[in-house]
Amino acid sequence: MTPKTAITFSRRALLAATLPAMAVKVARGQDGAPTAEAYPTHQVTFIVPFAPAGGTDVLARLLAEKLEQQLGEPFVVENRPGAGTLIATNFVAKSPPDGYTIMMDVSSLAIDVTLYKSLPYDPAKDLALVALIARVPFVLVVNPSLPVNSVEDLIKLAKQRPLSYGSGGIGAFHHLAAALFASMAGIKLTHVPYRGTAPALNDLLGGYIQLMFSDLGPALPLINAGKLRPLAVTTKERFTAIPNVPPLADAGVPGFDAAAWQGVVAPAKTPQPILTKLNSELNAIVAMDDVHTRMTDFGMIPVGTGSLDELRQFLQSEIVRWAKVVEEAGIAHSE
């Protein structure tokens, strides 16, 4: 079991990142009920909780491009990295619930409820999961200078000398997957958080850290170029883009199975007709052949199905699932 890691965040930073609530103006029908017929009538801000060039950012820009084509108004991606995903998520949770601020969120939405003792928002009450876009298998990669060629080699080396791993931020899936791996393998690893996948991969290439659990999309070109050595994938199934890389469960850590997910969220009080319209449009976009192909190339497994009710149930089940993982990984709640 790894030593418990205290997780903290700055309330001041979170509050500073949240703009004051503004009056919400929603088109209404003759009966006074909100209608989505005119939505959107102007620019929609699409928040990404990580730095540019990572897998989440690339996917958000693809979706924004398609939404703009489908709905006829700009969908502008805005990166708000920091504190894992907390700063961006808090910003969206406190934004006007009018459909003009949405977010590309990840598994952290379900994880943070357990990871942190208190949050300035409640994911289940303040945010609505609008669409489940993709499952994301992660890959364990090392710098080629590290004298290991398998997971078993890595475990042996970690028992002999200190090793550090990077993540896209405290509480990000990269972090949790590595912590779970260390716990199940009975080793100690030093966590080095970054403001996104891309800067962490850059330091892995430079040898400042030795390993990382990376989403496959940004890591794949580096793997193909021989700049990173893949040891295993986090899912029970192999991934088509790297068929020779075994699952961790078959490579020395029996029972390991974890995949992140990417979804679009909006403030929970956004009018139901707008949420339904976004859900329908996003599900249709994921089903497009070119989008399906590009997502697979990014290292993602397209999903793009599910009603709003089904997505609410999915989020609740993920909160329960990751609560167990956080406890087993030995990650402490913040005060």
C-alpha atoms as a PDB file:
ATOM      1  CA  MET A   1       0.000   0.000   0.000  1.00  0.00           C
ATOM      2  CA  THR A   2       1.341   3.413  -0.894  1.00  0.00           C
ATOM      3  CA  PRO A   3       1.583   6.152   1.760  1.00  0.00           C
ATOM      4  CA  LYS A   4      -1.545   8.251   1.921  1.00  0.00           C
ATOM      5  CA  THR A   5      -1.306  11.438  -0.091  1.00  0.00           C
ATOM      6  CA  ALA A   6      -2.942  14.566   1.298  1.00  0.00           C
ATOM      7  CA  ILE A   7      -4.971  16.337  -1.370  1.00  0.00           C
ATOM      8  CA  THR A   8      -5.521  20.062  -0.976  1.00  0.00           C
ATOM      9  CA  PHE A   9      -6.731  22.905  -3.121  1.00  0.00           C
ATOM     10  CA  SER A  10      -7.020  26.646  -2.822  1.00  0.00           C
ATOM     11  CA  ARG A  11     -10.551  27.913  -2.231  1.00  0.00           C
ATOM     12  CA  ARG A  12      -9.312  31.386  -3.143  1.00  0.00           C
ATOM     13  CA  ALA A  13      -8.110  30.151  -6.539  1.00  0.00           C
ATOM     14  CA  LEU A  14     -11.401  28.402  -7.181  1.00  0.00           C
ATOM     15  CA  LEU A  15     -13.510  31.353  -6.168  1.00  0.00           C
ATOM     16  CA  ALA A  16     -11.353  33.752  -8.149  1.00  0.00           C
ATOM     17  CA  ALA A  17     -11.863  31.604 -11.232  1.00  0.00           C
ATOM     18  CA  THR A  18     -15.641  31.767 -10.896  1.00  0.00           C
ATOM     19  CA  LEU A  19     -17.373  34.741 -12.480  1.00  0.00           C
ATOM     20  CA  PRO A  20     -20.382  36.255 -10.747  1.00  0.00           C
ATOM     21  CA  ALA A  21     -23.687  34.804 -11.782  1.00  0.00           C
ATOM     22  CA  MET A  22     -25.439  36.706 -14.525  1.00  0.00           C
ATOM     23  CA  ALA A  23     -29.113  37.000 -15.384  1.00  0.00           C
ATOM     24  CA  VAL A  24     -30.262  34.072 -17.484  1.00  0.00           C
ATOM     25  CA  LYS A  25     -32.285  34.828 -20.576  1.00  0.00           C
ATOM     26  CA  VAL A  26     -33.933  31.826 -22.185  1.00  0.00           C
ATOM     27  CA  ALA A  27     -36.304  31.815 -25.140  1.00  0.00           C
ATOM     28  CA  ARG A  28     -39.792  30.768 -24.017  1.00  0.00           C
ATOM     29  CA  GLY A  29     -42.876  29.482 -25.779  1.00  0.00           C
ATOM     30  CA  GLN A  30     -46.417  30.850 -25.475  1.00  0.00           C
ATOM     31  CA  ASP A  31     -46.986  28.770 -22.327  1.00  0.00           C
ATOM     32  CA  GLY A  32     -43.898  30.301 -20.691  1.00  0.00           C
ATOM     33  CA  ALA A  33     -41.876  27.076 -20.753  1.00  0.00           C
ATOM     34  CA  PRO A  34     -38.248  27.232 -21.976  1.00  0.00           C
ATOM     35  CA  THR A  35     -37.725  26.267 -25.594  1.00  0.00           C
ATOM     36  CA  ALA A  36     -34.566  25.208 -27.394  1.00  0.00           C
ATOM     37  CA  GLU A  37     -35.787  26.041 -30.893  1.00  0.00           C
ATOM     38  CA  ALA A  38     -33.713  29.225 -31.092  1.00  0.00           C
ATOM     39  CA  TYR A  39     -30.707  27.837 -29.203  1.00  0.00           C
ATOM     40  CA  PRO A  40     -27.984  28.872 -29.685  1.00  0.00           C
ATOM     41  CA  THR A  41     -28.351  32.490 -30.763  1.00  0.00           C
ATOM     42  CA  HIS A  42     -24.747  33.494 -30.048  1.00  0.00           C
ATOM     43  CA  GLN A  43     -21.335  32.106 -29.100  1.00  0.00           C
ATOM     44  CA  VAL A  44     -21.119  29.124 -26.742  1.00  0.00           C
ATOM     45  CA  THR A  45     -18.028  28.780 -24.535  1.00  0.00           C
ATOM     46  CA  PHE A  46     -16.702  25.217 -24.388  1.00  0.00           C
ATOM     47  CA  ILE A  47     -14.471  24.853 -21.302  1.00  0.00           C
ATOM     48  CA  VAL A  48     -11.570  22.364 -21.207  1.00  0.00           C
ATOM     49  CA  PRO A  49     -10.048  21.668 -17.753  1.00  0.00           C
ATOM     50  CA  PHE A  50      -6.557  20.911 -19.095  1.00  0.00           C
ATOM     51  CA  ALA A  51      -3.828  22.646 -21.071  1.00  0.00           C
ATOM     52  CA  PRO A  52      -4.002  22.655 -24.898  1.00  0.00           C
ATOM     53  CA  ALA A  53      -2.809  19.676 -26.991  1.00  0.00           C
ATOM     54  CA  GLY A  54      -3.899  16.910 -24.597  1.00  0.00           C
ATOM     55  CA  GLY A  55      -6.502  14.293 -25.487  1.00  0.00           C
ATOM     56  CA  THR A  56      -9.394  16.138 -23.806  1.00  0.00           C
ATOM     57  CA  ASP A  57      -8.517  19.362 -25.602  1.00  0.00           C
ATOM     58  CA  VAL A  58      -8.248  17.658 -28.994  1.00  0.00           C
ATOM     59  CA  LEU A  59     -11.618  15.947 -28.534  1.00  0.00           C
ATOM     60  CA  ALA A  60     -13.319  19.150 -27.388  1.00  0.00           C
ATOM     61  CA  ARG A  61     -12.078  21.006 -30.465  1.00  0.00           C
ATOM     62  CA  LEU A  62     -13.413  18.260 -32.719  1.00  0.00           C
ATOM     63  CA  LEU A  63     -16.824  18.399 -31.042  1.00  0.00           C
ATOM     64  CA  ALA A  64     -16.840  22.211 -31.085  1.00  0.00           C
ATOM     65  CA  GLU A  65     -16.168  22.199 -34.824  1.00  0.00           C
ATOM     66  CA  LYS A  66     -19.072  19.825 -35.456  1.00  0.00           C
ATOM     67  CA  LEU A  67     -21.466  21.608 -33.089  1.00  0.00           C
ATOM     68  CA  GLU A  68     -20.728  24.878 -34.854  1.00  0.00           C
ATOM     69  CA  GLN A  69     -21.494  23.247 -38.213  1.00  0.00           C
ATOM     70  CA  GLN A  70     -24.701  21.667 -36.902  1.00  0.00           C
ATOM     71  CA  LEU A  71     -26.077  24.606 -34.908  1.00  0.00           C
ATOM     72  CA  GLY A  72     -24.744  27.598 -36.826  1.00  0.00           C
ATOM     73  CA  GLU A  73     -23.116  29.521 -33.960  1.00  0.00           C
ATOM     74  CA  PRO A  74     -19.489  29.548 -32.729  1.00  0.00           C
ATOM     75  CA  PHE A  75     -18.471  27.018 -30.065  1.00  0.00           C
ATOM     76  CA  VAL A  76     -15.212  28.466 -28.724  1.00  0.00           C
ATOM     77  CA  VAL A  77     -12.866  26.256 -26.704  1.00  0.00           C
ATOM     78  CA  GLU A  78     -11.387  27.908 -23.612  1.00  0.00           C
ATOM     79  CA  ASN A  79      -8.695  26.119 -21.587  1.00  0.00           C
ATOM     80  CA  ARG A  80      -8.872  26.525 -17.787  1.00  0.00           C
ATOM     81  CA  PRO A  81      -6.269  24.132 -16.340  1.00  0.00           C
ATOM     82  CA  GLY A  82      -5.308  23.825 -12.726  1.00  0.00           C
ATOM     83  CA  ALA A  83      -6.118  21.966  -9.465  1.00  0.00           C
ATOM     84  CA  GLY A  84      -6.829  18.769 -11.396  1.00  0.00           C
ATOM     85  CA  THR A  85     -10.135  19.739 -12.973  1.00  0.00           C
ATOM     86  CA  LEU A  86     -11.517  21.651  -9.997  1.00  0.00           C
ATOM     87  CA  ILE A  87     -11.031  25.222 -11.195  1.00  0.00           C
ATOM     88  CA  ALA A  88     -12.750  24.605 -14.518  1.00  0.00           C
ATOM     89  CA  THR A  89     -15.519  22.463 -13.037  1.00  0.00           C
ATOM     90  CA  ASN A  90     -16.296  25.024 -10.344  1.00  0.00           C
ATOM     91  CA  PHE A  91     -16.396  27.752 -12.979  1.00  0.00           C
ATOM     92  CA  VAL A  92     -18.970  25.835 -15.028  1.00  0.00           C
ATOM     93  CA  ALA A  93     -21.016  24.781 -11.989  1.00  0.00           C
ATOM     94  CA  LYS A  94     -21.355  28.477 -11.020  1.00  0.00           C
ATOM     95  CA  SER A  95     -21.943  29.752 -14.577  1.00  0.00           C
ATOM     96  CA  PRO A  96     -25.361  30.964 -15.718  1.00  0.00           C
ATOM     97  CA  PRO A  97     -27.481  27.879 -16.566  1.00  0.00           C
ATOM     98  CA  ASP A  98     -28.440  29.059 -20.031  1.00  0.00           C
ATOM     99  CA  GLY A  99     -26.592  26.611 -22.320  1.00  0.00           C
ATOM    100  CA  TYR A 100     -23.871  29.094 -23.253  1.00  0.00           C
ATOM    101  CA  THR A 101     -21.191  27.596 -20.993  1.00  0.00           C
ATOM    102  CA  ILE A 102     -20.534  23.870 -21.326  1.00  0.00           C
ATOM    103  CA  MET A 103     -17.527  21.748 -20.475  1.00  0.00           C
ATOM    104  CA  MET A 104     -15.553  18.745 -21.684  1.00  0.00           C
ATOM    105  CA  ASP A 105     -15.285  16.852 -18.411  1.00  0.00           C
ATOM    106  CA  VAL A 106     -13.614  13.584 -17.504  1.00  0.00           C
ATOM    107  CA  SER A 107     -13.773  10.801 -14.918  1.00  0.00           C
ATOM    108  CA  SER A 108     -12.527  13.243 -12.276  1.00  0.00           C
ATOM    109  CA  LEU A 109     -16.086  14.531 -12.068  1.00  0.00           C
ATOM    110  CA  ALA A 110     -17.012  11.283 -10.302  1.00  0.00           C
ATOM    111  CA  ILE A 111     -13.679  10.789  -8.539  1.00  0.00           C
ATOM    112  CA  ASP A 112     -13.397  14.183  -6.825  1.00  0.00           C
ATOM    113  CA  VAL A 113     -16.468  13.590  -4.664  1.00  0.00           C
ATOM    114  CA  THR A 114     -14.480  11.015  -2.704  1.00  0.00           C
ATOM    115  CA  LEU A 115     -11.001  12.384  -3.283  1.00  0.00           C
ATOM    116  CA  TYR A 116     -11.789  15.681  -1.567  1.00  0.00           C
ATOM    117  CA  LYS A 117     -13.466  16.016   1.801  1.00  0.00           C
ATOM    118  CA  SER A 118     -15.287  19.124   0.628  1.00  0.00           C
ATOM    119  CA  LEU A 119     -15.889  20.722  -2.739  1.00  0.00           C
ATOM    120  CA  PRO A 120     -17.326  24.141  -3.615  1.00  0.00           C
ATOM    121  CA  TYR A 121     -19.885  22.350  -5.822  1.00  0.00           C
ATOM    122  CA  ASP A 122     -21.845  19.093  -5.833  1.00  0.00           C
ATOM    123  CA  PRO A 123     -21.347  17.203  -9.129  1.00  0.00           C
ATOM    124  CA  ALA A 124     -24.675  15.399  -8.831  1.00  0.00           C
ATOM    125  CA  LYS A 125     -26.675  18.545  -7.984  1.00  0.00           C
ATOM    126  CA  ASP A 126     -24.828  21.403  -9.682  1.00  0.00           C
ATOM    127  CA  LEU A 127     -23.876  19.758 -12.975  1.00  0.00           C
ATOM    128  CA  ALA A 128     -25.675  17.722 -15.602  1.00  0.00           C
ATOM    129  CA  LEU A 129     -23.885  15.122 -17.723  1.00  0.00           C
ATOM    130  CA  VAL A 130     -25.182  16.005 -21.186  1.00  0.00           C
ATOM    131  CA  ALA A 131     -23.455  13.317 -23.257  1.00  0.00           C
ATOM    132  CA  LEU A 132     -21.033  10.463 -22.692  1.00  0.00           C
ATOM    133  CA  ILE A 133     -18.607  10.795 -25.584  1.00  0.00           C
ATOM    134  CA  ALA A 134     -15.894   8.173 -25.153  1.00  0.00           C
ATOM    135  CA  ARG A 135     -14.118   5.633 -22.993  1.00  0.00           C
ATOM    136  CA  VAL A 136     -10.379   6.218 -22.815  1.00  0.00           C
ATOM    137  CA  PRO A 137      -7.932   3.369 -22.247  1.00  0.00           C
ATOM    138  CA  PHE A 138      -4.684   4.566 -20.678  1.00  0.00           C
ATOM    139  CA  VAL A 139      -1.234   3.216 -21.441  1.00  0.00           C
ATOM    140  CA  LEU A 140       1.680   2.814 -19.047  1.00  0.00           C
ATOM    141  CA  VAL A 141       4.705   4.334 -20.780  1.00  0.00           C
ATOM    142  CA  VAL A 142       8.324   4.785 -19.689  1.00  0.00           C
ATOM    143  CA  ASN A 143      11.301   6.722 -20.951  1.00  0.00           C
ATOM    144  CA  PRO A 144      13.304   4.322 -23.185  1.00  0.00           C
ATOM    145  CA  SER A 145      16.418   5.032 -21.123  1.00  0.00           C
ATOM    146  CA  LEU A 146      14.815   3.242 -18.191  1.00  0.00           C
ATOM    147  CA  PRO A 147      16.189  -0.331 -18.101  1.00  0.00           C
ATOM    148  CA  VAL A 148      12.800  -2.066 -18.180  1.00  0.00           C
ATOM    149  CA  ASN A 149      10.944  -3.925 -20.924  1.00  0.00           C
ATOM    150  CA  SER A 150       7.931  -5.212 -19.006  1.00  0.00           C
ATOM    151  CA  VAL A 151       5.666  -4.395 -16.089  1.00  0.00           C
ATOM    152  CA  GLU A 152       7.432  -7.015 -13.999  1.00  0.00           C
ATOM    153  CA  ASP A 153      10.774  -5.310 -14.754  1.00  0.00           C
ATOM    154  CA  LEU A 154       9.300  -1.974 -13.679  1.00  0.00           C
ATOM    155  CA  ILE A 155       7.977  -3.376 -10.402  1.00  0.00           C
ATOM    156  CA  LYS A 156      11.377  -4.908  -9.612  1.00  0.00           C
ATOM    157  CA  LEU A 157      13.174  -1.641 -10.377  1.00  0.00           C
ATOM    158  CA  ALA A 158      10.725   0.394  -8.273  1.00  0.00           C
ATOM    159  CA  LYS A 159      11.593  -1.809  -5.297  1.00  0.00           C
ATOM    160  CA  GLN A 160      15.287  -1.037  -5.808  1.00  0.00           C
ATOM    161  CA  ARG A 161      15.322   2.717  -6.419  1.00  0.00           C
ATOM    162  CA  PRO A 162      13.002   5.777  -6.353  1.00  0.00           C
ATOM    163  CA  LEU A 163      10.878   6.334  -9.456  1.00  0.00           C
ATOM    164  CA  SER A 164       8.579   9.239 -10.254  1.00  0.00           C
ATOM    165  CA  TYR A 165       5.519   9.477 -12.474  1.00  0.00           C
ATOM    166  CA  GLY A 166       3.683  12.380 -14.038  1.00  0.00           C
ATOM    167  CA  SER A 167      -0.002  13.169 -14.265  1.00  0.00           C
ATOM    168  CA  GLY A 168      -2.303  15.799 -15.691  1.00  0.00           C
ATOM    169  CA  GLY A 169      -2.919  17.123 -12.185  1.00  0.00           C
ATOM    170  CA  ILE A 170      -3.749  16.019  -8.665  1.00  0.00           C
ATOM    171  CA  GLY A 171      -6.779  13.743  -8.807  1.00  0.00           C
ATOM    172  CA  ALA A 172      -6.669  13.377 -12.584  1.00  0.00           C
ATOM    173  CA  PHE A 173      -7.116   9.882 -13.986  1.00  0.00           C
ATOM    174  CA  HIS A 174      -3.376   9.633 -14.734  1.00  0.00           C
ATOM    175  CA  HIS A 175      -2.758  10.133 -11.015  1.00  0.00           C
ATOM    176  CA  LEU A 176      -5.402   7.705  -9.800  1.00  0.00           C
ATOM    177  CA  ALA A 177      -4.421   4.953 -12.251  1.00  0.00           C
ATOM    178  CA  ALA A 178      -0.784   5.190 -11.155  1.00  0.00           C
ATOM    179  CA  ALA A 179      -1.711   5.255  -7.475  1.00  0.00           C
ATOM    180  CA  LEU A 180      -3.904   2.187  -7.945  1.00  0.00           C
ATOM    181  CA  PHE A 181      -1.092   0.461  -9.837  1.00  0.00           C
ATOM    182  CA  ALA A 182       1.414   1.215  -7.065  1.00  0.00           C
ATOM    183  CA  SER A 183      -1.007  -0.019  -4.428  1.00  0.00           C
ATOM    184  CA  MET A 184      -1.800  -3.267  -6.234  1.00  0.00           C
ATOM    185  CA  ALA A 185       1.868  -3.889  -7.149  1.00  0.00           C
ATOM    186  CA  GLY A 186       3.115  -3.169  -3.630  1.00  0.00           C
ATOM    187  CA  ILE A 187       5.545  -0.423  -4.652  1.00  0.00           C
ATOM    188  CA  LYS A 188       6.145   3.258  -3.875  1.00  0.00           C
ATOM    189  CA  LEU A 189       6.181   5.901  -6.606  1.00  0.00           C
ATOM    190  CA  THR A 190       6.612   9.672  -6.365  1.00  0.00           C
ATOM    191  CA  HIS A 191       3.812  11.709  -7.938  1.00  0.00           C
ATOM    192  CA  VAL A 192       4.694  14.822  -9.971  1.00  0.00           C
ATOM    193  CA  PRO A 193       1.518  16.684 -11.058  1.00  0.00           C
ATOM    194  CA  TYR A 194       1.433  18.886 -14.174  1.00  0.00           C
ATOM    195  CA  ARG A 195      -1.114  21.220 -15.732  1.00  0.00           C
ATOM    196  CA  GLY A 196      -2.195  18.689 -18.351  1.00  0.00           C
ATOM    197  CA  THR A 197      -1.016  15.645 -20.293  1.00  0.00           C
ATOM    198  CA  ALA A 198       1.252  17.431 -22.771  1.00  0.00           C
ATOM    199  CA  PRO A 199       3.654  19.060 -20.253  1.00  0.00           C
ATOM    200  CA  ALA A 200       3.878  15.780 -18.327  1.00  0.00           C
ATOM    201  CA  LEU A 201       4.786  13.896 -21.507  1.00  0.00           C
ATOM    202  CA  ASN A 202       7.390  16.541 -22.329  1.00  0.00           C
ATOM    203  CA  ASP A 203       9.128  15.949 -19.010  1.00  0.00           C
ATOM    204  CA  LEU A 204       8.879  12.189 -19.489  1.00  0.00           C
ATOM    205  CA  LEU A 205      10.661  12.591 -22.826  1.00  0.00           C
ATOM    206  CA  GLY A 206      13.289  14.746 -21.128  1.00  0.00           C
ATOM    207  CA  GLY A 207      13.916  12.160 -18.435  1.00  0.00           C
ATOM    208  CA  TYR A 208      12.745  14.367 -15.552  1.00  0.00           C
ATOM    209  CA  ILE A 209      10.208  11.686 -14.630  1.00  0.00           C
ATOM    210  CA  GLN A 210      10.457   7.983 -15.438  1.00  0.00           C
ATOM    211  CA  LEU A 211       6.918   6.809 -16.195  1.00  0.00           C
ATOM    212  CA  MET A 212       3.349   7.881 -16.748  1.00  0.00           C
ATOM    213  CA  PHE A 213      -0.140   6.524 -17.278  1.00  0.00           C
ATOM    214  CA  SER A 214      -1.120   8.521 -20.358  1.00  0.00           C
ATOM    215  CA  ASP A 215      -4.270   8.689 -22.412  1.00  0.00           C
ATOM    216  CA  LEU A 216      -3.352   6.896 -25.603  1.00  0.00           C
ATOM    217  CA  GLY A 217      -4.026   9.706 -28.096  1.00  0.00           C
ATOM    218  CA  PRO A 218      -1.145  12.047 -27.215  1.00  0.00           C
ATOM    219  CA  ALA A 219       1.190   9.144 -26.347  1.00  0.00           C
ATOM    220  CA  LEU A 220       0.657   7.109 -29.522  1.00  0.00           C
ATOM    221  CA  PRO A 221       2.781   9.230 -31.922  1.00  0.00           C
ATOM    222  CA  LEU A 222       5.618   9.147 -29.385  1.00  0.00           C
ATOM    223  CA  ILE A 223       5.264   5.370 -29.031  1.00  0.00           C
ATOM    224  CA  ASN A 224       5.285   4.898 -32.803  1.00  0.00           C
ATOM    225  CA  ALA A 225       8.379   7.094 -33.090  1.00  0.00           C
ATOM    226  CA  GLY A 226      10.206   5.033 -30.471  1.00  0.00           C
ATOM    227  CA  LYS A 227      10.406   7.979 -28.075  1.00  0.00           C
ATOM    228  CA  LEU A 228       8.341   6.220 -25.403  1.00  0.00           C
ATOM    229  CA  ARG A 229       8.179   2.534 -24.487  1.00  0.00           C
ATOM    230  CA  PRO A 230       4.680   1.150 -23.775  1.00  0.00           C
ATOM    231  CA  LEU A 231       4.448  -1.562 -21.132  1.00  0.00           C
ATOM    232  CA  ALA A 232       0.705  -2.152 -20.703  1.00  0.00           C
ATOM    233  CA  VAL A 233      -2.820  -0.787 -21.183  1.00  0.00           C
ATOM    234  CA  THR A 234      -5.201  -0.232 -18.282  1.00  0.00           C
ATOM    235  CA  THR A 235      -8.219  -2.044 -19.715  1.00  0.00           C
ATOM    236  CA  LYS A 236      -8.794  -5.804 -19.745  1.00  0.00           C
ATOM    237  CA  GLU A 237      -8.915  -5.681 -23.543  1.00  0.00           C
ATOM    238  CA  ARG A 238      -6.023  -4.845 -25.846  1.00  0.00           C
ATOM    239  CA  PHE A 239      -6.389  -1.705 -27.929  1.00  0.00           C
ATOM    240  CA  THR A 240      -6.331  -1.932 -31.716  1.00  0.00           C
ATOM    241  CA  ALA A 241      -3.780   0.870 -32.155  1.00  0.00           C
ATOM    242  CA  ILE A 242      -1.172  -1.011 -30.071  1.00  0.00           C
ATOM    243  CA  PRO A 243      -2.248  -4.676 -30.297  1.00  0.00           C
ATOM    244  CA  ASN A 244       1.078  -6.023 -29.014  1.00  0.00           C
ATOM    245  CA  VAL A 245       0.826  -4.136 -25.708  1.00  0.00           C
ATOM    246  CA  PRO A 246      -0.779  -6.376 -23.047  1.00  0.00           C
ATOM    247  CA  PRO A 247      -3.335  -5.399 -20.395  1.00  0.00           C
ATOM    248  CA  LEU A 248      -1.892  -4.742 -16.943  1.00  0.00           C
ATOM    249  CA  ALA A 249      -4.046  -7.601 -15.657  1.00  0.00           C
ATOM    250  CA  ASP A 250      -2.058  -9.989 -17.868  1.00  0.00           C
ATOM    251  CA  ALA A 251       1.322  -8.328 -17.352  1.00  0.00           C
ATOM    252  CA  GLY A 252       1.884  -8.689 -13.636  1.00  0.00           C
ATOM    253  CA  VAL A 253      -1.012  -6.930 -11.886  1.00  0.00           C
ATOM    254  CA  PRO A 254      -3.964  -9.368 -11.859  1.00  0.00           C
ATOM    255  CA  GLY A 255      -7.396  -7.772 -11.629  1.00  0.00           C
ATOM    256  CA  PHE A 256      -6.348  -4.323 -12.854  1.00  0.00           C
ATOM    257  CA  ASP A 257      -9.061  -2.764 -15.031  1.00  0.00           C
ATOM    258  CA  ALA A 258      -9.603   0.959 -15.431  1.00  0.00           C
ATOM    259  CA  ALA A 259     -10.684   3.258 -18.246  1.00  0.00           C
ATOM    260  CA  ALA A 260     -11.325   6.958 -18.073  1.00  0.00           C
ATOM    261  CA  TRP A 261     -14.244   8.594 -19.824  1.00  0.00           C
ATOM    262  CA  GLN A 262     -14.910  11.855 -21.578  1.00  0.00           C
ATOM    263  CA  GLY A 263     -18.268  13.591 -21.356  1.00  0.00           C
ATOM    264  CA  VAL A 264     -19.894  16.971 -21.863  1.00  0.00           C
ATOM    265  CA  VAL A 265     -21.484  18.695 -18.864  1.00  0.00           C
ATOM    266  CA  ALA A 266     -23.519  21.852 -18.297  1.00  0.00           C
ATOM    267  CA  PRO A 267     -24.877  23.640 -15.233  1.00  0.00           C
ATOM    268  CA  ALA A 268     -27.629  21.461 -13.775  1.00  0.00           C
ATOM    269  CA  LYS A 269     -30.355  24.108 -13.930  1.00  0.00           C
ATOM    270  CA  THR A 270     -29.926  24.612 -17.667  1.00  0.00           C
ATOM    271  CA  PRO A 271     -33.424  24.321 -19.199  1.00  0.00           C
ATOM    272  CA  GLN A 272     -34.298  20.731 -20.043  1.00  0.00           C
ATOM    273  CA  PRO A 273     -35.065  21.458 -23.718  1.00  0.00           C
ATOM    274  CA  ILE A 274     -31.534  22.842 -24.200  1.00  0.00           C
ATOM    275  CA  LEU A 275     -29.938  19.864 -22.423  1.00  0.00           C
ATOM    276  CA  THR A 276     -31.998  17.504 -24.559  1.00  0.00           C
ATOM    277  CA  LYS A 277     -30.974  19.329 -27.735  1.00  0.00           C
ATOM    278  CA  LEU A 278     -27.286  19.172 -26.818  1.00  0.00           C
ATOM    279  CA  ASN A 279     -27.619  15.488 -25.924  1.00  0.00           C
ATOM    280  CA  SER A 280     -29.208  14.689 -29.277  1.00  0.00           C
ATOM    281  CA  GLU A 281     -26.694  16.725 -31.288  1.00  0.00           C
ATOM    282  CA  LEU A 282     -23.658  15.285 -29.501  1.00  0.00           C
ATOM    283  CA  ASN A 283     -24.887  11.693 -29.800  1.00  0.00           C
ATOM    284  CA  ALA A 284     -25.421  12.267 -33.530  1.00  0.00           C
ATOM    285  CA  ILE A 285     -21.955  13.781 -33.925  1.00  0.00           C
ATOM    286  CA  VAL A 286     -20.220  10.830 -32.240  1.00  0.00           C
ATOM    287  CA  ALA A 287     -22.064   8.489 -34.634  1.00  0.00           C
ATOM    288  CA  MET A 288     -20.596  10.263 -37.695  1.00  0.00           C
ATOM    289  CA  ASP A 289     -18.121   8.075 -39.580  1.00  0.00           C
ATOM    290  CA  ASP A 290     -15.376  10.706 -39.732  1.00  0.00           C
ATOM    291  CA  VAL A 291     -15.731  11.536 -36.032  1.00  0.00           C
ATOM    292  CA  HIS A 292     -15.725   7.856 -35.110  1.00  0.00           C
ATOM    293  CA  THR A 293     -12.519   7.355 -37.099  1.00  0.00           C
ATOM    294  CA  ARG A 294     -10.776  10.397 -35.644  1.00  0.00           C
ATOM    295  CA  MET A 295     -11.703   9.432 -32.095  1.00  0.00           C
ATOM    296  CA  THR A 296     -10.288   5.955 -32.628  1.00  0.00           C
ATOM    297  CA  ASP A 297      -7.123   7.566 -33.989  1.00  0.00           C
ATOM    298  CA  PHE A 298      -6.977   9.654 -30.785  1.00  0.00           C
ATOM    299  CA  GLY A 299      -6.937   6.424 -28.766  1.00  0.00           C
ATOM    300  CA  MET A 300     -10.560   6.673 -27.632  1.00  0.00           C
ATOM    301  CA  ILE A 301     -13.469   4.246 -27.782  1.00  0.00           C
ATOM    302  CA  PRO A 302     -16.547   6.176 -29.045  1.00  0.00           C
ATOM    303  CA  VAL A 303     -19.712   5.891 -26.943  1.00  0.00           C
ATOM    304  CA  GLY A 304     -22.202   8.649 -27.782  1.00  0.00           C
ATOM    305  CA  THR A 305     -25.348   6.972 -26.507  1.00  0.00           C
ATOM    306  CA  GLY A 306     -27.622   7.457 -23.533  1.00  0.00           C
ATOM    307  CA  SER A 307     -30.528   9.652 -22.504  1.00  0.00           C
ATOM    308  CA  LEU A 308     -30.198  12.328 -19.831  1.00  0.00           C
ATOM    309  CA  ASP A 309     -31.792   9.982 -17.267  1.00  0.00           C
ATOM    310  CA  GLU A 310     -29.366   7.187 -18.165  1.00  0.00           C
ATOM    311  CA  LEU A 311     -26.448   9.594 -17.853  1.00  0.00           C
ATOM    312  CA  ARG A 312     -27.566  10.670 -14.379  1.00  0.00           C
ATOM    313  CA  GLN A 313     -27.615   7.011 -13.341  1.00  0.00           C
ATOM    314  CA  PHE A 314     -24.206   6.445 -14.942  1.00  0.00           C
ATOM    315  CA  LEU A 315     -22.645   9.347 -13.017  1.00  0.00           C
ATOM    316  CA  GLN A 316     -24.033   8.035  -9.727  1.00  0.00           C
ATOM    317  CA  SER A 317     -22.646   4.546 -10.408  1.00  0.00           C
ATOM    318  CA  GLU A 318     -19.229   6.025 -11.265  1.00  0.00           C
ATOM    319  CA  ILE A 319     -19.169   7.979  -8.002  1.00  0.00           C
ATOM    320  CA  VAL A 320     -19.718   4.725  -6.097  1.00  0.00           C
ATOM    321  CA  ARG A 321     -17.155   2.814  -8.166  1.00  0.00           C
ATOM    322  CA  TRP A 322     -14.334   5.357  -7.847  1.00  0.00           C
ATOM    323  CA  ALA A 323     -14.977   5.850  -4.143  1.00  0.00           C
ATOM    324  CA  LYS A 324     -13.784   2.264  -3.678  1.00  0.00           C
ATOM    325  CA  VAL A 325     -10.753   2.846  -5.909  1.00  0.00           C
ATOM    326  CA  VAL A 326      -9.691   5.998  -4.037  1.00  0.00           C
ATOM    327  CA  GLU A 327      -9.869   4.179  -0.714  1.00  0.00           C
ATOM    328  CA  GLU A 328      -7.952   1.147  -2.015  1.00  0.00           C
ATOM    329  CA  ALA A 329      -5.283   3.412  -3.559  1.00  0.00           C
ATOM    330  CA  GLY A 330      -4.707   5.043  -0.165  1.00  0.00           C
ATOM    331  CA  ILE A 331      -5.413   8.609  -1.280  1.00  0.00           C
ATOM    332  CA  ALA A 332      -6.567  10.663   1.701  1.00  0.00           C
ATOM    333  CA  HIS A 333      -9.410  13.154   1.758  1.00  0.00           C
ATOM    334  CA  SER A 334      -8.457  16.804   2.076  1.00  0.00           C
ATOM    335  CA  GLU A 335      -9.400  18.738   5.171  1.00  0.00           C
END
